[in-house]
Amino acid sequence: MAEPLPALVKNSLEVAWNYLDGLGEISDPQNTAEFLLRSIQSQILKGEKRTLMLSNRAIAAYQRRPQLVS
C-alpha cells in the first residue's frame, strides 16, 4: 500500500532535514525547509513516491545549490 501523500512529504522532509542537521549544514532553517519542500514536491509531481529517493535527491540538490557569500 502506498504511503499517504502528507505522510510521504513529512517523512521525506524529516529524513533530509535530520541528515543535513546532523552534518551541521543548516544555517538558515526557514530557507532550508522551503528548499527541501520545493524539491520534494517537484519530485512527487514527476511521479516519485519513494521516501528515501525523495529525501536523497533533495539533499543532493541542497548540497549543489549555489552558496551566497556574505
PDB file of N, CA and C in Angstrom:
ATOM      1  N   MET A   1       0.844  -1.190   0.000  1.00  0.00           N
ATOM      2  CA  MET A   1       0.000   0.000   0.000  1.00  0.00           C
ATOM      3  C   MET A   1       0.882   1.243   0.000  1.00  0.00           C
ATOM      4  N   ALA A   2       0.524   2.197  -0.802  1.00  0.00           N
ATOM      5  CA  ALA A   2       1.299   3.435  -0.914  1.00  0.00           C
ATOM      6  C   ALA A   2       1.091   4.296   0.325  1.00  0.00           C
ATOM      7  N   GLU A   3       2.135   5.016   0.673  1.00  0.00           N
ATOM      8  CA  GLU A   3       2.092   5.934   1.804  1.00  0.00           C
ATOM      9  C   GLU A   3       1.217   7.133   1.427  1.00  0.00           C
ATOM     10  N   PRO A   4       0.320   7.597   2.325  1.00  0.00           N
ATOM     11  CA  PRO A   4      -0.485   8.780   2.017  1.00  0.00           C
ATOM     12  C   PRO A   4       0.420   9.979   1.722  1.00  0.00           C
ATOM     13  N   LEU A   5      -0.017  10.839   0.822  1.00  0.00           N
ATOM     14  CA  LEU A   5       0.799  11.961   0.368  1.00  0.00           C
ATOM     15  C   LEU A   5       1.317  12.844   1.511  1.00  0.00           C
ATOM     16  N   PRO A   6       0.480  13.258   2.470  1.00  0.00           N
ATOM     17  CA  PRO A   6       1.021  14.092   3.558  1.00  0.00           C
ATOM     18  C   PRO A   6       2.128  13.380   4.346  1.00  0.00           C
ATOM     19  N   ALA A   7       1.976  12.106   4.583  1.00  0.00           N
ATOM     20  CA  ALA A   7       2.993  11.345   5.311  1.00  0.00           C
ATOM     21  C   ALA A   7       4.255  11.206   4.468  1.00  0.00           C
ATOM     22  N   LEU A   8       4.106  11.021   3.167  1.00  0.00           N
ATOM     23  CA  LEU A   8       5.253  10.907   2.271  1.00  0.00           C
ATOM     24  C   LEU A   8       6.080  12.187   2.297  1.00  0.00           C
ATOM     25  N   VAL A   9       5.413  13.329   2.204  1.00  0.00           N
ATOM     26  CA  VAL A   9       6.110  14.614   2.237  1.00  0.00           C
ATOM     27  C   VAL A   9       6.779  14.810   3.595  1.00  0.00           C
ATOM     28  N   LYS A  10       6.038  14.583   4.666  1.00  0.00           N
ATOM     29  CA  LYS A  10       6.570  14.762   6.017  1.00  0.00           C
ATOM     30  C   LYS A  10       7.779  13.879   6.259  1.00  0.00           C
ATOM     31  N   ASN A  11       7.663  12.611   5.935  1.00  0.00           N
ATOM     32  CA  ASN A  11       8.756  11.671   6.198  1.00  0.00           C
ATOM     33  C   ASN A  11       9.988  11.979   5.351  1.00  0.00           C
ATOM     34  N   SER A  12       9.781  12.330   4.106  1.00  0.00           N
ATOM     35  CA  SER A  12      10.906  12.671   3.230  1.00  0.00           C
ATOM     36  C   SER A  12      11.618  13.925   3.716  1.00  0.00           C
ATOM     37  N   LEU A  13      10.839  14.928   4.091  1.00  0.00           N
ATOM     38  CA  LEU A  13      11.406  16.172   4.605  1.00  0.00           C
ATOM     39  C   LEU A  13      12.164  15.923   5.908  1.00  0.00           C
ATOM     40  N   GLU A  14      11.600  15.096   6.768  1.00  0.00           N
ATOM     41  CA  GLU A  14      12.240  14.787   8.046  1.00  0.00           C
ATOM     42  C   GLU A  14      13.578  14.065   7.854  1.00  0.00           C
ATOM     43  N   VAL A  15      13.624  13.110   6.947  1.00  0.00           N
ATOM     44  CA  VAL A  15      14.874  12.389   6.677  1.00  0.00           C
ATOM     45  C   VAL A  15      15.939  13.355   6.159  1.00  0.00           C
ATOM     46  N   ALA A  16      15.570  14.179   5.189  1.00  0.00           N
ATOM     47  CA  ALA A  16      16.525  15.133   4.613  1.00  0.00           C
ATOM     48  C   ALA A  16      16.991  16.131   5.673  1.00  0.00           C
ATOM     49  N   TRP A  17      16.059  16.654   6.439  1.00  0.00           N
ATOM     50  CA  TRP A  17      16.387  17.639   7.474  1.00  0.00           C
ATOM     51  C   TRP A  17      17.350  17.044   8.509  1.00  0.00           C
ATOM     52  N   ASN A  18      17.021  15.871   9.008  1.00  0.00           N
ATOM     53  CA  ASN A  18      17.858  15.241  10.036  1.00  0.00           C
ATOM     54  C   ASN A  18      19.272  14.975   9.527  1.00  0.00           C
ATOM     55  N   TYR A  19      19.378  14.569   8.275  1.00  0.00           N
ATOM     56  CA  TYR A  19      20.695  14.314   7.694  1.00  0.00           C
ATOM     57  C   TYR A  19      21.508  15.607   7.621  1.00  0.00           C
ATOM     58  N   LEU A  20      20.915  16.643   7.038  1.00  0.00           N
ATOM     59  CA  LEU A  20      21.629  17.914   6.895  1.00  0.00           C
ATOM     60  C   LEU A  20      21.935  18.542   8.250  1.00  0.00           C
ATOM     61  N   ASP A  21      21.006  18.434   9.167  1.00  0.00           N
ATOM     62  CA  ASP A  21      21.226  18.972  10.515  1.00  0.00           C
ATOM     63  C   ASP A  21      22.366  18.229  11.207  1.00  0.00           C
ATOM     64  N   GLY A  22      22.418  16.934  11.022  1.00  0.00           N
ATOM     65  CA  GLY A  22      23.495  16.130  11.604  1.00  0.00           C
ATOM     66  C   GLY A  22      24.862  16.510  11.061  1.00  0.00           C
ATOM     67  N   LEU A  23      24.898  16.976   9.823  1.00  0.00           N
ATOM     68  CA  LEU A  23      26.156  17.429   9.218  1.00  0.00           C
ATOM     69  C   LEU A  23      26.481  18.873   9.581  1.00  0.00           C
ATOM     70  N   GLY A  24      25.538  19.560  10.206  1.00  0.00           N
ATOM     71  CA  GLY A  24      25.737  20.971  10.541  1.00  0.00           C
ATOM     72  C   GLY A  24      25.618  21.881   9.342  1.00  0.00           C
ATOM     73  N   GLU A  25      24.853  21.485   8.335  1.00  0.00           N
ATOM     74  CA  GLU A  25      24.746  22.253   7.090  1.00  0.00           C
ATOM     75  C   GLU A  25      23.562  23.213   7.060  1.00  0.00           C
ATOM     76  N   ILE A  26      22.806  23.295   8.134  1.00  0.00           N
ATOM     77  CA  ILE A  26      21.637  24.173   8.138  1.00  0.00           C
ATOM     78  C   ILE A  26      21.986  25.469   8.851  1.00  0.00           C
ATOM     79  N   SER A  27      22.175  26.525   8.059  1.00  0.00           N
ATOM     80  CA  SER A  27      22.481  27.824   8.645  1.00  0.00           C
ATOM     81  C   SER A  27      21.240  28.719   8.681  1.00  0.00           C
ATOM     82  N   ASP A  28      20.298  28.493   7.770  1.00  0.00           N
ATOM     83  CA  ASP A  28      19.057  29.261   7.715  1.00  0.00           C
ATOM     84  C   ASP A  28      17.896  28.264   7.667  1.00  0.00           C
ATOM     85  N   PRO A  29      17.315  27.939   8.824  1.00  0.00           N
ATOM     86  CA  PRO A  29      16.273  26.903   8.882  1.00  0.00           C
ATOM     87  C   PRO A  29      15.081  27.154   7.957  1.00  0.00           C
ATOM     88  N   GLN A  30      14.606  28.386   7.870  1.00  0.00           N
ATOM     89  CA  GLN A  30      13.437  28.685   7.039  1.00  0.00           C
ATOM     90  C   GLN A  30      13.729  28.423   5.560  1.00  0.00           C
ATOM     91  N   ASN A  31      14.835  28.957   5.068  1.00  0.00           N
ATOM     92  CA  ASN A  31      15.192  28.755   3.663  1.00  0.00           C
ATOM     93  C   ASN A  31      15.493  27.295   3.366  1.00  0.00           C
ATOM     94  N   THR A  32      16.126  26.618   4.295  1.00  0.00           N
ATOM     95  CA  THR A  32      16.421  25.198   4.104  1.00  0.00           C
ATOM     96  C   THR A  32      15.138  24.394   3.985  1.00  0.00           C
ATOM     97  N   ALA A  33      14.199  24.630   4.890  1.00  0.00           N
ATOM     98  CA  ALA A  33      12.929  23.907   4.866  1.00  0.00           C
ATOM     99  C   ALA A  33      12.180  24.164   3.564  1.00  0.00           C
ATOM    100  N   GLU A  34      12.153  25.426   3.130  1.00  0.00           N
ATOM    101  CA  GLU A  34      11.462  25.763   1.888  1.00  0.00           C
ATOM    102  C   GLU A  34      12.126  25.110   0.681  1.00  0.00           C
ATOM    103  N   PHE A  35      13.451  25.104   0.652  1.00  0.00           N
ATOM    104  CA  PHE A  35      14.185  24.488  -0.451  1.00  0.00           C
ATOM    105  C   PHE A  35      13.893  22.986  -0.519  1.00  0.00           C
ATOM    106  N   LEU A  36      14.004  22.320   0.619  1.00  0.00           N
ATOM    107  CA  LEU A  36      13.771  20.876   0.654  1.00  0.00           C
ATOM    108  C   LEU A  36      12.332  20.547   0.264  1.00  0.00           C
ATOM    109  N   LEU A  37      11.383  21.310   0.777  1.00  0.00           N
ATOM    110  CA  LEU A  37       9.982  21.066   0.458  1.00  0.00           C
ATOM    111  C   LEU A  37       9.706  21.246  -1.032  1.00  0.00           C
ATOM    112  N   ARG A  38      10.252  22.317  -1.632  1.00  0.00           N
ATOM    113  CA  ARG A  38      10.070  22.521  -3.085  1.00  0.00           C
ATOM    114  C   ARG A  38      10.661  21.363  -3.877  1.00  0.00           C
ATOM    115  N   SER A  39      11.827  20.901  -3.464  1.00  0.00           N
ATOM    116  CA  SER A  39      12.466  19.786  -4.164  1.00  0.00           C
ATOM    117  C   SER A  39      11.618  18.521  -4.070  1.00  0.00           C
ATOM    118  N   ILE A  40      11.138  18.233  -2.891  1.00  0.00           N
ATOM    119  CA  ILE A  40      10.316  17.030  -2.681  1.00  0.00           C
ATOM    120  C   ILE A  40       9.011  17.137  -3.452  1.00  0.00           C
ATOM    121  N   GLN A  41       8.362  18.289  -3.401  1.00  0.00           N
ATOM    122  CA  GLN A  41       7.104  18.482  -4.128  1.00  0.00           C
ATOM    123  C   GLN A  41       7.306  18.313  -5.638  1.00  0.00           C
ATOM    124  N   SER A  42       8.377  18.868  -6.150  1.00  0.00           N
ATOM    125  CA  SER A  42       8.672  18.763  -7.577  1.00  0.00           C
ATOM    126  C   SER A  42       8.840  17.301  -7.998  1.00  0.00           C
ATOM    127  N   GLN A  43       9.543  16.553  -7.183  1.00  0.00           N
ATOM    128  CA  GLN A  43       9.759  15.141  -7.496  1.00  0.00           C
ATOM    129  C   GLN A  43       8.449  14.346  -7.456  1.00  0.00           C
ATOM    130  N   ILE A  44       7.607  14.646  -6.475  1.00  0.00           N
ATOM    131  CA  ILE A  44       6.319  13.961  -6.363  1.00  0.00           C
ATOM    132  C   ILE A  44       5.465  14.252  -7.589  1.00  0.00           C
ATOM    133  N   LEU A  45       5.483  15.495  -8.039  1.00  0.00           N
ATOM    134  CA  LEU A  45       4.711  15.859  -9.236  1.00  0.00           C
ATOM    135  C   LEU A  45       5.200  15.112 -10.477  1.00  0.00           C
ATOM    136  N   LYS A  46       6.469  14.692 -10.457  1.00  0.00           N
ATOM    137  CA  LYS A  46       7.027  13.922 -11.574  1.00  0.00           C
ATOM    138  C   LYS A  46       6.799  12.429 -11.397  1.00  0.00           C
ATOM    139  N   GLY A  47       6.184  12.034 -10.268  1.00  0.00           N
ATOM    140  CA  GLY A  47       5.811  10.638 -10.079  1.00  0.00           C
ATOM    141  C   GLY A  47       6.608   9.854  -9.051  1.00  0.00           C
ATOM    142  N   GLU A  48       7.608  10.452  -8.446  1.00  0.00           N
ATOM    143  CA  GLU A  48       8.408   9.734  -7.444  1.00  0.00           C
ATOM    144  C   GLU A  48       7.600   9.574  -6.161  1.00  0.00           C
ATOM    145  N   LYS A  49       7.591   8.370  -5.615  1.00  0.00           N
ATOM    146  CA  LYS A  49       6.819   8.088  -4.404  1.00  0.00           C
ATOM    147  C   LYS A  49       7.639   7.372  -3.326  1.00  0.00           C
ATOM    148  N   ARG A  50       8.933   7.240  -3.544  1.00  0.00           N
ATOM    149  CA  ARG A  50       9.776   6.541  -2.557  1.00  0.00           C
ATOM    150  C   ARG A  50      10.411   7.559  -1.615  1.00  0.00           C
ATOM    151  N   THR A  51      10.160   7.388  -0.329  1.00  0.00           N
ATOM    152  CA  THR A  51      10.615   8.332   0.690  1.00  0.00           C
ATOM    153  C   THR A  51      12.110   8.589   0.615  1.00  0.00           C
ATOM    154  N   LEU A  52      12.906   7.545   0.602  1.00  0.00           N
ATOM    155  CA  LEU A  52      14.359   7.730   0.615  1.00  0.00           C
ATOM    156  C   LEU A  52      14.879   8.349  -0.677  1.00  0.00           C
ATOM    157  N   MET A  53      14.269   8.035  -1.796  1.00  0.00           N
ATOM    158  CA  MET A  53      14.684   8.660  -3.049  1.00  0.00           C
ATOM    159  C   MET A  53      14.359  10.156  -3.017  1.00  0.00           C
ATOM    160  N   LEU A  54      13.177  10.492  -2.518  1.00  0.00           N
ATOM    161  CA  LEU A  54      12.803  11.897  -2.404  1.00  0.00           C
ATOM    162  C   LEU A  54      13.765  12.658  -1.505  1.00  0.00           C
ATOM    163  N   SER A  55      14.066  12.087  -0.356  1.00  0.00           N
ATOM    164  CA  SER A  55      14.951  12.783   0.580  1.00  0.00           C
ATOM    165  C   SER A  55      16.381  12.834   0.061  1.00  0.00           C
ATOM    166  N   ASN A  56      16.871  11.766  -0.521  1.00  0.00           N
ATOM    167  CA  ASN A  56      18.248  11.758  -1.030  1.00  0.00           C
ATOM    168  C   ASN A  56      18.439  12.757  -2.162  1.00  0.00           C
ATOM    169  N   ARG A  57      17.470  12.846  -3.045  1.00  0.00           N
ATOM    170  CA  ARG A  57      17.572  13.813  -4.141  1.00  0.00           C
ATOM    171  C   ARG A  57      17.464  15.242  -3.632  1.00  0.00           C
ATOM    172  N   ALA A  58      16.623  15.465  -2.628  1.00  0.00           N
ATOM    173  CA  ALA A  58      16.504  16.802  -2.037  1.00  0.00           C
ATOM    174  C   ALA A  58      17.814  17.198  -1.356  1.00  0.00           C
ATOM    175  N   ILE A  59      18.430  16.259  -0.671  1.00  0.00           N
ATOM    176  CA  ILE A  59      19.725  16.516  -0.023  1.00  0.00           C
ATOM    177  C   ILE A  59      20.767  16.864  -1.068  1.00  0.00           C
ATOM    178  N   ALA A  60      20.835  16.071  -2.124  1.00  0.00           N
ATOM    179  CA  ALA A  60      21.830  16.312  -3.178  1.00  0.00           C
ATOM    180  C   ALA A  60      21.618  17.680  -3.819  1.00  0.00           C
ATOM    181  N   ALA A  61      20.371  18.040  -4.083  1.00  0.00           N
ATOM    182  CA  ALA A  61      20.077  19.352  -4.677  1.00  0.00           C
ATOM    183  C   ALA A  61      20.469  20.471  -3.719  1.00  0.00           C
ATOM    184  N   TYR A  62      20.211  20.286  -2.447  1.00  0.00           N
ATOM    185  CA  TYR A  62      20.567  21.288  -1.443  1.00  0.00           C
ATOM    186  C   TYR A  62      22.080  21.477  -1.387  1.00  0.00           C
ATOM    187  N   GLN A  63      22.795  20.396  -1.435  1.00  0.00           N
ATOM    188  CA  GLN A  63      24.250  20.475  -1.348  1.00  0.00           C
ATOM    189  C   GLN A  63      24.880  21.032  -2.629  1.00  0.00           C
ATOM    190  N   ARG A  64      24.187  20.969  -3.752  1.00  0.00           N
ATOM    191  CA  ARG A  64      24.678  21.519  -5.019  1.00  0.00           C
ATOM    192  C   ARG A  64      24.301  22.969  -5.224  1.00  0.00           C
ATOM    193  N   ARG A  65      23.370  23.493  -4.433  1.00  0.00           N
ATOM    194  CA  ARG A  65      22.883  24.846  -4.655  1.00  0.00           C
ATOM    195  C   ARG A  65      24.018  25.848  -4.524  1.00  0.00           C
ATOM    196  N   PRO A  66      23.932  26.946  -5.251  1.00  0.00           N
ATOM    197  CA  PRO A  66      24.966  27.981  -5.123  1.00  0.00           C
ATOM    198  C   PRO A  66      24.950  28.577  -3.723  1.00  0.00           C
ATOM    199  N   GLN A  67      26.111  28.745  -3.166  1.00  0.00           N
ATOM    200  CA  GLN A  67      26.244  29.338  -1.831  1.00  0.00           C
ATOM    201  C   GLN A  67      26.356  30.841  -1.948  1.00  0.00           C
ATOM    202  N   LEU A  68      25.640  31.558  -1.118  1.00  0.00           N
ATOM    203  CA  LEU A  68      25.762  33.006  -1.069  1.00  0.00           C
ATOM    204  C   LEU A  68      26.909  33.357  -0.125  1.00  0.00           C
ATOM    205  N   VAL A  69      27.813  34.182  -0.612  1.00  0.00           N
ATOM    206  CA  VAL A  69      28.956  34.590   0.189  1.00  0.00           C
ATOM    207  C   VAL A  69      28.646  35.945   0.789  1.00  0.00           C
ATOM    208  N   SER A  70      28.776  36.040   2.115  1.00  0.00           N
ATOM    209  CA  SER A  70      28.476  37.324   2.750  1.00  0.00           C
ATOM    210  C   SER A  70      29.728  38.007   3.238  1.00  0.00           C
TER     211      SER A  70
END
